[in-house]
Each structure stands twice: as structure tokens, then as C-alpha cells.
Amino acid sequence: MRLEGKVVLVTGASKGIGRAIALGMAREGADVFVNYNRDQAGAEEAARSIRATGRRAWIVQADIRYPEQIRAMFDFLRRQVFALHVLVNNAAITGWTPLFEITVEKWDAVIETNLRGTFFCSLEAARWMKETGGGSIVNVSTNCAELGVKNLVAYASSKGGIHAMTRQLAVELAPYKIRVNTFAPGPTLVERNLSDDPDYDATWGGVVPLGRAAHPEEMVGAAIFLACEESSYVTGQLFFVDGGWTVAGRLPEEYLEKAARKHSA
């Protein structure tokens, strides 16, 4: 198993891609901290699934928008284990809003959660990894930062910032044997997207070259590769797990308008 004996923290792991990654890493031998913000029931279910693989699991509540909650989360982690080997920065919010209707409050919520939260989680993890011999930080981004997707300016800006931050942290943390990489999922069949559009698979299948949206489990391989020793010479990189979407660059315009209207109501 590629992560035997490793300890992993996955933020936003109560559902969707984060939950799939947490369980996938447990199946590769890792013990996993499951972070959540509001969905305690989902976090507990994720932890039960991890324990069913024979690995240890803990749930830890923190809204990563707030640095003081991040510090408290890492204080809890340090009381449980000696070292953290992998951080997966997955937690994020989208903030659907038509461009001319975006408010300061919504802009701040998205940027502070996605960009600031990722940075301060990474900083706390790096301080710890520096003490214990290194590790891997894996950021989960989005293709929206590459293509320019209508009604998601704050979301795309926050994730574009993560792309730049990945390169910066990779350089600064390399002397401490800490690698930093990012992968960007394409359209994925998670609860949030399916609640916006029950026909999400068909909607995106019409514009994605592989003809369908992804399942959350299809993001696990990328996360494990970047977390484990198979990628020991990989740092500062960004790659897409998107069925070819960034190559084609086509967008379902009607869906983008519908989602923005729903979340602005």
C-alpha cells in the first residue's frame, strides 16, 4: 500500500471529492483526519467508512475561513499523532453570482475560505512537517481558474491564487523536503452540483470530450499519486483531471446562468 503508516488531513472531507479522497487514502494504508465545517453527520459517516478499512480516523470541526479555527484544528491533530505526512486542501465554496451582483461579503467569503484558508492550513502543516522530516501538500483546485467560467469570478480568482501559491510554496518549502502540488478537477458528480442540476452529467457530457462528468472517486488517483513517494520528484505542478475539458474549452451557457440565478435568489 502506497500510504502505509502515513497520517493525512483532508479538509472538507464530509462529502464529495474530499470524502472520496479520505477513503481512498485509507485504502492505501493512511490514517485520516476528516475535517468538516457544518456536516458532522457526513464526517462521522466518512470516519466510519475509513475505520472499516482497518485504519484510524478522527473527525475535526473547523471553518477554514478563520485562521484561529485552523490553529485550533492543528492543535487537536498534534495531540493525537506525532507527525502529519500529507495535507489535502480540498475545502472550498463556489459563490455563484452574476458579475455585476457580487457583493463585498460574498467576495470575501469565497476568497477567505478558498485562498486564505488553503494558505493558513498549508502554513500550519508545513511548520509541523518541517519538524518531522517533510511531507506533501496537495491542493484541489478547479478548471474554472483556467477557462474563465461565467458567474464564478470570485471562485476562479481564489483558485487562480492557489495555482500561484502552489509554485511559491513549492520553492520555499523544498529545502524542508515538503512538496506542494495542485490538481484541478473538471465537472464532477457531487451533491452540490447535482442539487443545482439533476441532469448535470448530461449537461456537461455535451461539452466534455470524454462525454460525461466525473465521479468523485476518479479524483482519488491524482491525490494519492501526489501524496505518495511515486511523485517524490514532483513539486510546484498543476495538472487537470477533467476528461479533456480544458483542451476543448466549451461551456454549457444555460447551466451557468441557471446556477447563478439559483444561488443569488
C-alpha atoms as a PDB file:
ATOM      1  CA  MET A   1       0.000   0.000   0.000  1.00  0.00           C
ATOM      2  CA  ARG A   2       1.383   3.361  -1.057  1.00  0.00           C
ATOM      3  CA  LEU A   3       0.498   5.310   2.099  1.00  0.00           C
ATOM      4  CA  GLU A   4       1.171   2.654   4.727  1.00  0.00           C
ATOM      5  CA  GLY A   5       1.966   4.306   8.065  1.00  0.00           C
ATOM      6  CA  LYS A   6       1.159   7.832   6.869  1.00  0.00           C
ATOM      7  CA  VAL A   7      -1.154  10.338   8.550  1.00  0.00           C
ATOM      8  CA  VAL A   8      -3.332  12.511   6.337  1.00  0.00           C
ATOM      9  CA  LEU A   9      -5.586  15.524   6.904  1.00  0.00           C
ATOM     10  CA  VAL A  10      -8.297  16.137   4.293  1.00  0.00           C
ATOM     11  CA  THR A  11     -10.228  19.383   4.636  1.00  0.00           C
ATOM     12  CA  GLY A  12     -13.860  19.400   3.585  1.00  0.00           C
ATOM     13  CA  ALA A  13     -13.980  15.617   3.780  1.00  0.00           C
ATOM     14  CA  SER A  14     -17.570  15.088   4.904  1.00  0.00           C
ATOM     15  CA  LYS A  15     -18.850  14.731   1.343  1.00  0.00           C
ATOM     16  CA  GLY A  16     -17.992  14.825  -2.337  1.00  0.00           C
ATOM     17  CA  ILE A  17     -14.423  14.792  -3.601  1.00  0.00           C
ATOM     18  CA  GLY A  18     -12.937  15.282  -0.135  1.00  0.00           C
ATOM     19  CA  ARG A  19     -14.746  12.269   1.265  1.00  0.00           C
ATOM     20  CA  ALA A  20     -13.693  10.111  -1.695  1.00  0.00           C
ATOM     21  CA  ILE A  21     -10.059  11.160  -1.232  1.00  0.00           C
ATOM     22  CA  ALA A  22     -10.144  10.489   2.510  1.00  0.00           C
ATOM     23  CA  LEU A  23     -11.483   6.973   1.991  1.00  0.00           C
ATOM     24  CA  GLY A  24      -9.153   6.308  -0.945  1.00  0.00           C
ATOM     25  CA  MET A  25      -6.117   7.240   1.122  1.00  0.00           C
ATOM     26  CA  ALA A  26      -7.264   4.984   3.948  1.00  0.00           C
ATOM     27  CA  ARG A  27      -7.476   2.114   1.478  1.00  0.00           C
ATOM     28  CA  GLU A  28      -3.835   2.836   0.642  1.00  0.00           C
ATOM     29  CA  GLY A  29      -2.869   2.466   4.307  1.00  0.00           C
ATOM     30  CA  ALA A  30      -3.207   6.002   5.724  1.00  0.00           C
ATOM     31  CA  ASP A  31      -4.762   7.106   8.983  1.00  0.00           C
ATOM     32  CA  VAL A  32      -7.024  10.060   8.229  1.00  0.00           C
ATOM     33  CA  PHE A  33      -8.260  13.217   9.912  1.00  0.00           C
ATOM     34  CA  VAL A  34     -11.649  14.153   8.443  1.00  0.00           C
ATOM     35  CA  ASN A  35     -12.223  17.896   8.614  1.00  0.00           C
ATOM     36  CA  TYR A  36     -15.713  19.331   8.280  1.00  0.00           C
ATOM     37  CA  ASN A  37     -17.413  22.658   8.821  1.00  0.00           C
ATOM     38  CA  ARG A  38     -21.177  22.042   9.195  1.00  0.00           C
ATOM     39  CA  ASP A  39     -21.844  18.455   8.089  1.00  0.00           C
ATOM     40  CA  GLN A  40     -20.965  16.496  11.218  1.00  0.00           C
ATOM     41  CA  ALA A  41     -23.127  13.535  10.202  1.00  0.00           C
ATOM     42  CA  GLY A  42     -21.294  13.265   6.886  1.00  0.00           C
ATOM     43  CA  ALA A  43     -17.935  13.474   8.645  1.00  0.00           C
ATOM     44  CA  GLU A  44     -18.904  10.731  11.068  1.00  0.00           C
ATOM     45  CA  GLU A  45     -20.042   8.507   8.208  1.00  0.00           C
ATOM     46  CA  ALA A  46     -16.755   9.142   6.390  1.00  0.00           C
ATOM     47  CA  ALA A  47     -14.829   8.224   9.549  1.00  0.00           C
ATOM     48  CA  ARG A  48     -16.832   5.008   9.936  1.00  0.00           C
ATOM     49  CA  SER A  49     -16.011   4.047   6.352  1.00  0.00           C
ATOM     50  CA  ILE A  50     -12.323   4.707   6.983  1.00  0.00           C
ATOM     51  CA  ARG A  51     -12.302   2.627  10.169  1.00  0.00           C
ATOM     52  CA  ALA A  52     -13.978  -0.203   8.258  1.00  0.00           C
ATOM     53  CA  THR A  53     -10.773  -0.448   6.188  1.00  0.00           C
ATOM     54  CA  GLY A  54      -8.799  -1.078   9.387  1.00  0.00           C
ATOM     55  CA  ARG A  55      -7.299   2.410   9.569  1.00  0.00           C
ATOM     56  CA  ARG A  56      -7.674   5.067  12.258  1.00  0.00           C
ATOM     57  CA  ALA A  57      -9.922   8.076  11.675  1.00  0.00           C
ATOM     58  CA  TRP A  58     -10.724  11.230  13.578  1.00  0.00           C
ATOM     59  CA  ILE A  59     -13.210  13.980  12.798  1.00  0.00           C
ATOM     60  CA  VAL A  60     -12.304  17.589  13.484  1.00  0.00           C
ATOM     61  CA  GLN A  61     -14.536  20.614  13.033  1.00  0.00           C
ATOM     62  CA  ALA A  62     -13.096  23.870  11.692  1.00  0.00           C
ATOM     63  CA  ASP A  63     -14.283  26.574   9.335  1.00  0.00           C
ATOM     64  CA  ILE A  64     -11.062  27.214   7.449  1.00  0.00           C
ATOM     65  CA  ARG A  65     -12.184  30.755   6.645  1.00  0.00           C
ATOM     66  CA  TYR A  66     -10.923  31.645  10.118  1.00  0.00           C
ATOM     67  CA  PRO A  67      -7.209  31.244  10.944  1.00  0.00           C
ATOM     68  CA  GLU A  68      -7.921  30.833  14.643  1.00  0.00           C
ATOM     69  CA  GLN A  69     -10.056  27.777  13.874  1.00  0.00           C
ATOM     70  CA  ILE A  70      -7.280  26.391  11.686  1.00  0.00           C
ATOM     71  CA  ARG A  71      -4.812  26.777  14.561  1.00  0.00           C
ATOM     72  CA  ALA A  72      -7.216  25.034  16.936  1.00  0.00           C
ATOM     73  CA  MET A  73      -7.636  22.186  14.442  1.00  0.00           C
ATOM     74  CA  PHE A  74      -3.898  21.661  14.194  1.00  0.00           C
ATOM     75  CA  ASP A  75      -3.564  21.815  17.981  1.00  0.00           C
ATOM     76  CA  PHE A  76      -6.057  18.943  18.132  1.00  0.00           C
ATOM     77  CA  LEU A  77      -4.135  16.983  15.488  1.00  0.00           C
ATOM     78  CA  ARG A  78      -0.850  17.404  17.329  1.00  0.00           C
ATOM     79  CA  ARG A  79      -2.395  15.973  20.478  1.00  0.00           C
ATOM     80  CA  GLN A  80      -3.397  12.821  18.591  1.00  0.00           C
ATOM     81  CA  VAL A  81      -0.329  11.952  16.487  1.00  0.00           C
ATOM     82  CA  PHE A  82       3.396  12.615  16.275  1.00  0.00           C
ATOM     83  CA  ALA A  83       3.524  13.672  12.619  1.00  0.00           C
ATOM     84  CA  LEU A  84       1.350  14.767   9.723  1.00  0.00           C
ATOM     85  CA  HIS A  85       2.631  13.439   6.416  1.00  0.00           C
ATOM     86  CA  VAL A  86       0.016  14.690   3.952  1.00  0.00           C
ATOM     87  CA  LEU A  87      -2.345  17.665   3.829  1.00  0.00           C
ATOM     88  CA  VAL A  88      -5.094  17.716   1.211  1.00  0.00           C
ATOM     89  CA  ASN A  89      -6.569  21.215   0.869  1.00  0.00           C
ATOM     90  CA  ASN A  90      -9.984  20.358  -0.501  1.00  0.00           C
ATOM     91  CA  ALA A  91     -12.490  22.539   1.393  1.00  0.00           C
ATOM     92  CA  ALA A  92     -13.957  25.333  -0.740  1.00  0.00           C
ATOM     93  CA  ILE A  93     -17.108  27.256  -1.602  1.00  0.00           C
ATOM     94  CA  THR A  94     -18.201  28.368  -5.082  1.00  0.00           C
ATOM     95  CA  GLY A  95     -20.060  31.647  -4.594  1.00  0.00           C
ATOM     96  CA  TRP A  96     -22.165  31.610  -7.771  1.00  0.00           C
ATOM     97  CA  THR A  97     -23.079  35.240  -8.586  1.00  0.00           C
ATOM     98  CA  PRO A  98     -23.648  37.266 -11.753  1.00  0.00           C
ATOM     99  CA  LEU A  99     -20.689  39.605 -12.172  1.00  0.00           C
ATOM    100  CA  PHE A 100     -22.494  42.878 -11.503  1.00  0.00           C
ATOM    101  CA  GLU A 101     -24.353  41.483  -8.489  1.00  0.00           C
ATOM    102  CA  ILE A 102     -21.362  40.293  -6.483  1.00  0.00           C
ATOM    103  CA  THR A 103     -21.068  41.851  -3.036  1.00  0.00           C
ATOM    104  CA  VAL A 104     -18.056  42.533  -0.864  1.00  0.00           C
ATOM    105  CA  GLU A 105     -19.400  39.982   1.605  1.00  0.00           C
ATOM    106  CA  LYS A 106     -19.624  37.202  -0.978  1.00  0.00           C
ATOM    107  CA  TRP A 107     -16.230  38.060  -2.488  1.00  0.00           C
ATOM    108  CA  ASP A 108     -14.633  37.967   0.961  1.00  0.00           C
ATOM    109  CA  ALA A 109     -16.313  34.686   1.927  1.00  0.00           C
ATOM    110  CA  VAL A 110     -15.021  32.911  -1.184  1.00  0.00           C
ATOM    111  CA  ILE A 111     -11.505  34.361  -1.161  1.00  0.00           C
ATOM    112  CA  GLU A 112     -11.071  33.912   2.587  1.00  0.00           C
ATOM    113  CA  THR A 113     -12.295  30.303   2.554  1.00  0.00           C
ATOM    114  CA  ASN A 114     -10.609  29.074  -0.598  1.00  0.00           C
ATOM    115  CA  LEU A 115      -7.391  31.062  -0.827  1.00  0.00           C
ATOM    116  CA  ARG A 116      -6.662  32.300   2.682  1.00  0.00           C
ATOM    117  CA  GLY A 117      -7.888  29.051   4.231  1.00  0.00           C
ATOM    118  CA  THR A 118      -5.696  26.959   1.957  1.00  0.00           C
ATOM    119  CA  PHE A 119      -2.684  29.129   2.737  1.00  0.00           C
ATOM    120  CA  PHE A 120      -3.013  29.026   6.508  1.00  0.00           C
ATOM    121  CA  CYS A 121      -3.752  25.279   6.530  1.00  0.00           C
ATOM    122  CA  SER A 122      -0.621  24.833   4.416  1.00  0.00           C
ATOM    123  CA  LEU A 123       1.414  27.055   6.725  1.00  0.00           C
ATOM    124  CA  GLU A 124       0.396  25.131   9.848  1.00  0.00           C
ATOM    125  CA  ALA A 125       1.056  21.815   8.111  1.00  0.00           C
ATOM    126  CA  ALA A 126       4.431  22.999   6.819  1.00  0.00           C
ATOM    127  CA  ARG A 127       5.551  24.135  10.274  1.00  0.00           C
ATOM    128  CA  TRP A 128       4.803  20.642  11.558  1.00  0.00           C
ATOM    129  CA  MET A 129       6.263  18.799   8.568  1.00  0.00           C
ATOM    130  CA  LYS A 130       9.436  20.864   8.873  1.00  0.00           C
ATOM    131  CA  GLU A 131       9.875  19.493  12.401  1.00  0.00           C
ATOM    132  CA  THR A 132       9.326  15.872  11.392  1.00  0.00           C
ATOM    133  CA  GLY A 133      11.237  15.451   8.135  1.00  0.00           C
ATOM    134  CA  GLY A 134       8.960  16.626   5.339  1.00  0.00           C
ATOM    135  CA  GLY A 135       5.672  15.777   3.697  1.00  0.00           C
ATOM    136  CA  SER A 136       3.310  16.514   0.843  1.00  0.00           C
ATOM    137  CA  ILE A 137       0.700  19.246   0.438  1.00  0.00           C
ATOM    138  CA  VAL A 138      -1.933  18.555  -2.211  1.00  0.00           C
ATOM    139  CA  ASN A 139      -4.295  21.328  -3.266  1.00  0.00           C
ATOM    140  CA  VAL A 140      -7.605  20.649  -5.003  1.00  0.00           C
ATOM    141  CA  SER A 141      -8.416  23.393  -7.499  1.00  0.00           C
ATOM    142  CA  THR A 142     -10.784  23.774 -10.454  1.00  0.00           C
ATOM    143  CA  ASN A 143     -10.723  24.128 -14.209  1.00  0.00           C
ATOM    144  CA  CYS A 144     -12.686  27.354 -13.757  1.00  0.00           C
ATOM    145  CA  ALA A 145      -9.407  29.097 -12.947  1.00  0.00           C
ATOM    146  CA  GLU A 146      -8.116  28.106 -16.390  1.00  0.00           C
ATOM    147  CA  LEU A 147     -11.111  28.664 -18.662  1.00  0.00           C
ATOM    148  CA  GLY A 148     -12.886  31.729 -17.311  1.00  0.00           C
ATOM    149  CA  VAL A 149     -16.337  30.454 -16.351  1.00  0.00           C
ATOM    150  CA  LYS A 150     -19.208  32.924 -16.264  1.00  0.00           C
ATOM    151  CA  ASN A 151     -20.687  33.907 -12.879  1.00  0.00           C
ATOM    152  CA  LEU A 152     -17.770  32.460 -10.873  1.00  0.00           C
ATOM    153  CA  VAL A 153     -15.325  35.355 -10.743  1.00  0.00           C
ATOM    154  CA  ALA A 154     -14.550  35.061  -7.020  1.00  0.00           C
ATOM    155  CA  TYR A 155     -14.224  31.278  -7.193  1.00  0.00           C
ATOM    156  CA  ALA A 156     -11.943  31.375 -10.234  1.00  0.00           C
ATOM    157  CA  SER A 157      -9.858  34.155  -8.690  1.00  0.00           C
ATOM    158  CA  SER A 158      -9.418  32.225  -5.455  1.00  0.00           C
ATOM    159  CA  LYS A 159      -8.322  29.087  -7.254  1.00  0.00           C
ATOM    160  CA  GLY A 160      -6.035  31.008  -9.600  1.00  0.00           C
ATOM    161  CA  GLY A 161      -4.394  32.338  -6.469  1.00  0.00           C
ATOM    162  CA  ILE A 162      -3.886  28.768  -5.286  1.00  0.00           C
ATOM    163  CA  HIS A 163      -2.103  27.981  -8.553  1.00  0.00           C
ATOM    164  CA  ALA A 164       0.362  30.819  -7.953  1.00  0.00           C
ATOM    165  CA  MET A 165       0.672  29.914  -4.282  1.00  0.00           C
ATOM    166  CA  THR A 166       1.487  26.317  -5.209  1.00  0.00           C
ATOM    167  CA  ARG A 167       4.535  27.427  -7.160  1.00  0.00           C
ATOM    168  CA  GLN A 168       5.625  29.841  -4.447  1.00  0.00           C
ATOM    169  CA  LEU A 169       5.295  27.353  -1.591  1.00  0.00           C
ATOM    170  CA  ALA A 170       6.976  24.607  -3.616  1.00  0.00           C
ATOM    171  CA  VAL A 171      10.093  26.756  -3.919  1.00  0.00           C
ATOM    172  CA  GLU A 172      10.087  27.972  -0.326  1.00  0.00           C
ATOM    173  CA  LEU A 173       9.371  24.592   1.250  1.00  0.00           C
ATOM    174  CA  ALA A 174      11.609  22.399  -0.923  1.00  0.00           C
ATOM    175  CA  PRO A 175      14.616  22.760   1.446  1.00  0.00           C
ATOM    176  CA  TYR A 176      12.499  21.113   4.152  1.00  0.00           C
ATOM    177  CA  LYS A 177      11.525  18.149   1.933  1.00  0.00           C
ATOM    178  CA  ILE A 178       7.958  19.400   1.676  1.00  0.00           C
ATOM    179  CA  ARG A 179       6.377  19.073  -1.770  1.00  0.00           C
ATOM    180  CA  VAL A 180       3.413  21.199  -2.887  1.00  0.00           C
ATOM    181  CA  ASN A 181       1.254  20.370  -5.910  1.00  0.00           C
ATOM    182  CA  THR A 182      -2.249  21.053  -7.199  1.00  0.00           C
ATOM    183  CA  PHE A 183      -4.703  19.112  -9.321  1.00  0.00           C
ATOM    184  CA  ALA A 184      -7.836  20.606 -10.837  1.00  0.00           C
ATOM    185  CA  PRO A 185     -10.992  18.502 -11.213  1.00  0.00           C
ATOM    186  CA  GLY A 186     -13.369  19.055 -14.073  1.00  0.00           C
ATOM    187  CA  PRO A 187     -17.171  18.758 -13.763  1.00  0.00           C
ATOM    188  CA  THR A 188     -17.836  16.173 -11.055  1.00  0.00           C
ATOM    189  CA  LEU A 189     -20.991  14.426  -9.827  1.00  0.00           C
ATOM    190  CA  VAL A 190     -21.006  15.701  -6.257  1.00  0.00           C
ATOM    191  CA  GLU A 191     -24.050  16.607  -4.169  1.00  0.00           C
ATOM    192  CA  ARG A 192     -23.601  20.358  -4.651  1.00  0.00           C
ATOM    193  CA  ASN A 193     -23.580  20.114  -8.445  1.00  0.00           C
ATOM    194  CA  LEU A 194     -26.432  17.628  -8.627  1.00  0.00           C
ATOM    195  CA  SER A 195     -28.594  19.878  -6.452  1.00  0.00           C
ATOM    196  CA  ASP A 196     -28.011  22.684  -8.959  1.00  0.00           C
ATOM    197  CA  ASP A 197     -28.825  20.439 -11.912  1.00  0.00           C
ATOM    198  CA  PRO A 198     -30.179  16.866 -11.601  1.00  0.00           C
ATOM    199  CA  ASP A 199     -29.140  16.386 -15.244  1.00  0.00           C
ATOM    200  CA  TYR A 200     -25.587  17.539 -14.501  1.00  0.00           C
ATOM    201  CA  ASP A 201     -23.996  14.509 -16.172  1.00  0.00           C
ATOM    202  CA  ALA A 202     -25.843  15.074 -19.433  1.00  0.00           C
ATOM    203  CA  THR A 203     -25.329  18.832 -19.283  1.00  0.00           C
ATOM    204  CA  TRP A 204     -21.558  18.557 -19.012  1.00  0.00           C
ATOM    205  CA  GLY A 205     -21.307  15.415 -21.100  1.00  0.00           C
ATOM    206  CA  GLY A 206     -22.230  17.571 -24.072  1.00  0.00           C
ATOM    207  CA  VAL A 207     -19.110  19.725 -23.723  1.00  0.00           C
ATOM    208  CA  VAL A 208     -16.509  17.412 -22.141  1.00  0.00           C
ATOM    209  CA  PRO A 209     -14.568  15.358 -24.731  1.00  0.00           C
ATOM    210  CA  LEU A 210     -14.959  12.112 -22.764  1.00  0.00           C
ATOM    211  CA  GLY A 211     -18.716  12.654 -22.912  1.00  0.00           C
ATOM    212  CA  ARG A 212     -19.582  12.680 -19.216  1.00  0.00           C
ATOM    213  CA  ALA A 213     -18.935  14.264 -15.852  1.00  0.00           C
ATOM    214  CA  ALA A 214     -16.515  12.624 -13.417  1.00  0.00           C
ATOM    215  CA  HIS A 215     -17.339  10.590 -10.344  1.00  0.00           C
ATOM    216  CA  PRO A 216     -15.676  11.763  -7.110  1.00  0.00           C
ATOM    217  CA  GLU A 217     -13.718   8.516  -6.936  1.00  0.00           C
ATOM    218  CA  GLU A 218     -11.959   9.437 -10.180  1.00  0.00           C
ATOM    219  CA  MET A 219     -10.125  12.192  -8.301  1.00  0.00           C
ATOM    220  CA  VAL A 220      -8.581   9.782  -5.804  1.00  0.00           C
ATOM    221  CA  GLY A 221      -5.771   8.546  -8.051  1.00  0.00           C
ATOM    222  CA  ALA A 222      -4.411  12.038  -8.637  1.00  0.00           C
ATOM    223  CA  ALA A 223      -4.459  12.824  -4.918  1.00  0.00           C
ATOM    224  CA  ILE A 224      -2.741   9.575  -3.955  1.00  0.00           C
ATOM    225  CA  PHE A 225      -0.076   9.986  -6.626  1.00  0.00           C
ATOM    226  CA  LEU A 226       0.806  13.469  -5.375  1.00  0.00           C
ATOM    227  CA  ALA A 227       0.744  12.310  -1.750  1.00  0.00           C
ATOM    228  CA  CYS A 228       2.937   9.236  -2.070  1.00  0.00           C
ATOM    229  CA  GLU A 229       6.566   8.507  -2.927  1.00  0.00           C
ATOM    230  CA  GLU A 230       5.727   7.772  -6.557  1.00  0.00           C
ATOM    231  CA  SER A 231       5.759  11.561  -7.038  1.00  0.00           C
ATOM    232  CA  SER A 232       8.865  12.161  -4.915  1.00  0.00           C
ATOM    233  CA  TYR A 233      10.428  14.373  -7.625  1.00  0.00           C
ATOM    234  CA  VAL A 234       7.250  16.323  -8.387  1.00  0.00           C
ATOM    235  CA  THR A 235       6.652  19.725  -6.801  1.00  0.00           C
ATOM    236  CA  GLY A 236       5.166  23.052  -7.858  1.00  0.00           C
ATOM    237  CA  GLN A 237       2.970  21.425 -10.506  1.00  0.00           C
ATOM    238  CA  LEU A 238      -0.628  21.816 -11.656  1.00  0.00           C
ATOM    239  CA  PHE A 239      -2.498  19.290 -13.735  1.00  0.00           C
ATOM    240  CA  PHE A 240      -6.084  18.718 -14.767  1.00  0.00           C
ATOM    241  CA  VAL A 241      -8.329  15.722 -14.138  1.00  0.00           C
ATOM    242  CA  ASP A 242     -11.129  16.821 -16.402  1.00  0.00           C
ATOM    243  CA  GLY A 243     -11.984  14.437 -19.222  1.00  0.00           C
ATOM    244  CA  GLY A 244     -10.302  16.830 -21.648  1.00  0.00           C
ATOM    245  CA  TRP A 245     -12.489  19.820 -20.763  1.00  0.00           C
ATOM    246  CA  THR A 246      -9.640  22.342 -20.664  1.00  0.00           C
ATOM    247  CA  VAL A 247      -8.493  21.142 -24.076  1.00  0.00           C
ATOM    248  CA  ALA A 248     -11.900  21.677 -25.684  1.00  0.00           C
ATOM    249  CA  GLY A 249     -12.844  24.739 -23.649  1.00  0.00           C
ATOM    250  CA  ARG A 250     -16.587  24.559 -24.322  1.00  0.00           C
ATOM    251  CA  LEU A 251     -19.137  25.665 -21.719  1.00  0.00           C
ATOM    252  CA  PRO A 252     -22.853  24.929 -21.116  1.00  0.00           C
ATOM    253  CA  GLU A 253     -24.017  28.550 -21.030  1.00  0.00           C
ATOM    254  CA  GLU A 254     -27.605  27.801 -19.973  1.00  0.00           C
ATOM    255  CA  TYR A 255     -26.396  25.880 -16.908  1.00  0.00           C
ATOM    256  CA  LEU A 256     -24.083  28.712 -15.863  1.00  0.00           C
ATOM    257  CA  GLU A 257     -26.976  31.181 -15.915  1.00  0.00           C
ATOM    258  CA  LYS A 258     -29.305  28.792 -14.081  1.00  0.00           C
ATOM    259  CA  ALA A 259     -26.828  28.088 -11.280  1.00  0.00           C
ATOM    260  CA  ALA A 260     -26.096  31.770 -10.764  1.00  0.00           C
ATOM    261  CA  ARG A 261     -29.799  32.614 -10.563  1.00  0.00           C
ATOM    262  CA  LYS A 262     -30.404  29.834  -8.038  1.00  0.00           C
ATOM    263  CA  HIS A 263     -27.611  30.866  -5.695  1.00  0.00           C
ATOM    264  CA  SER A 264     -28.402  34.578  -5.955  1.00  0.00           C
ATOM    265  CA  ALA A 265     -32.070  34.099  -5.067  1.00  0.00           C
END
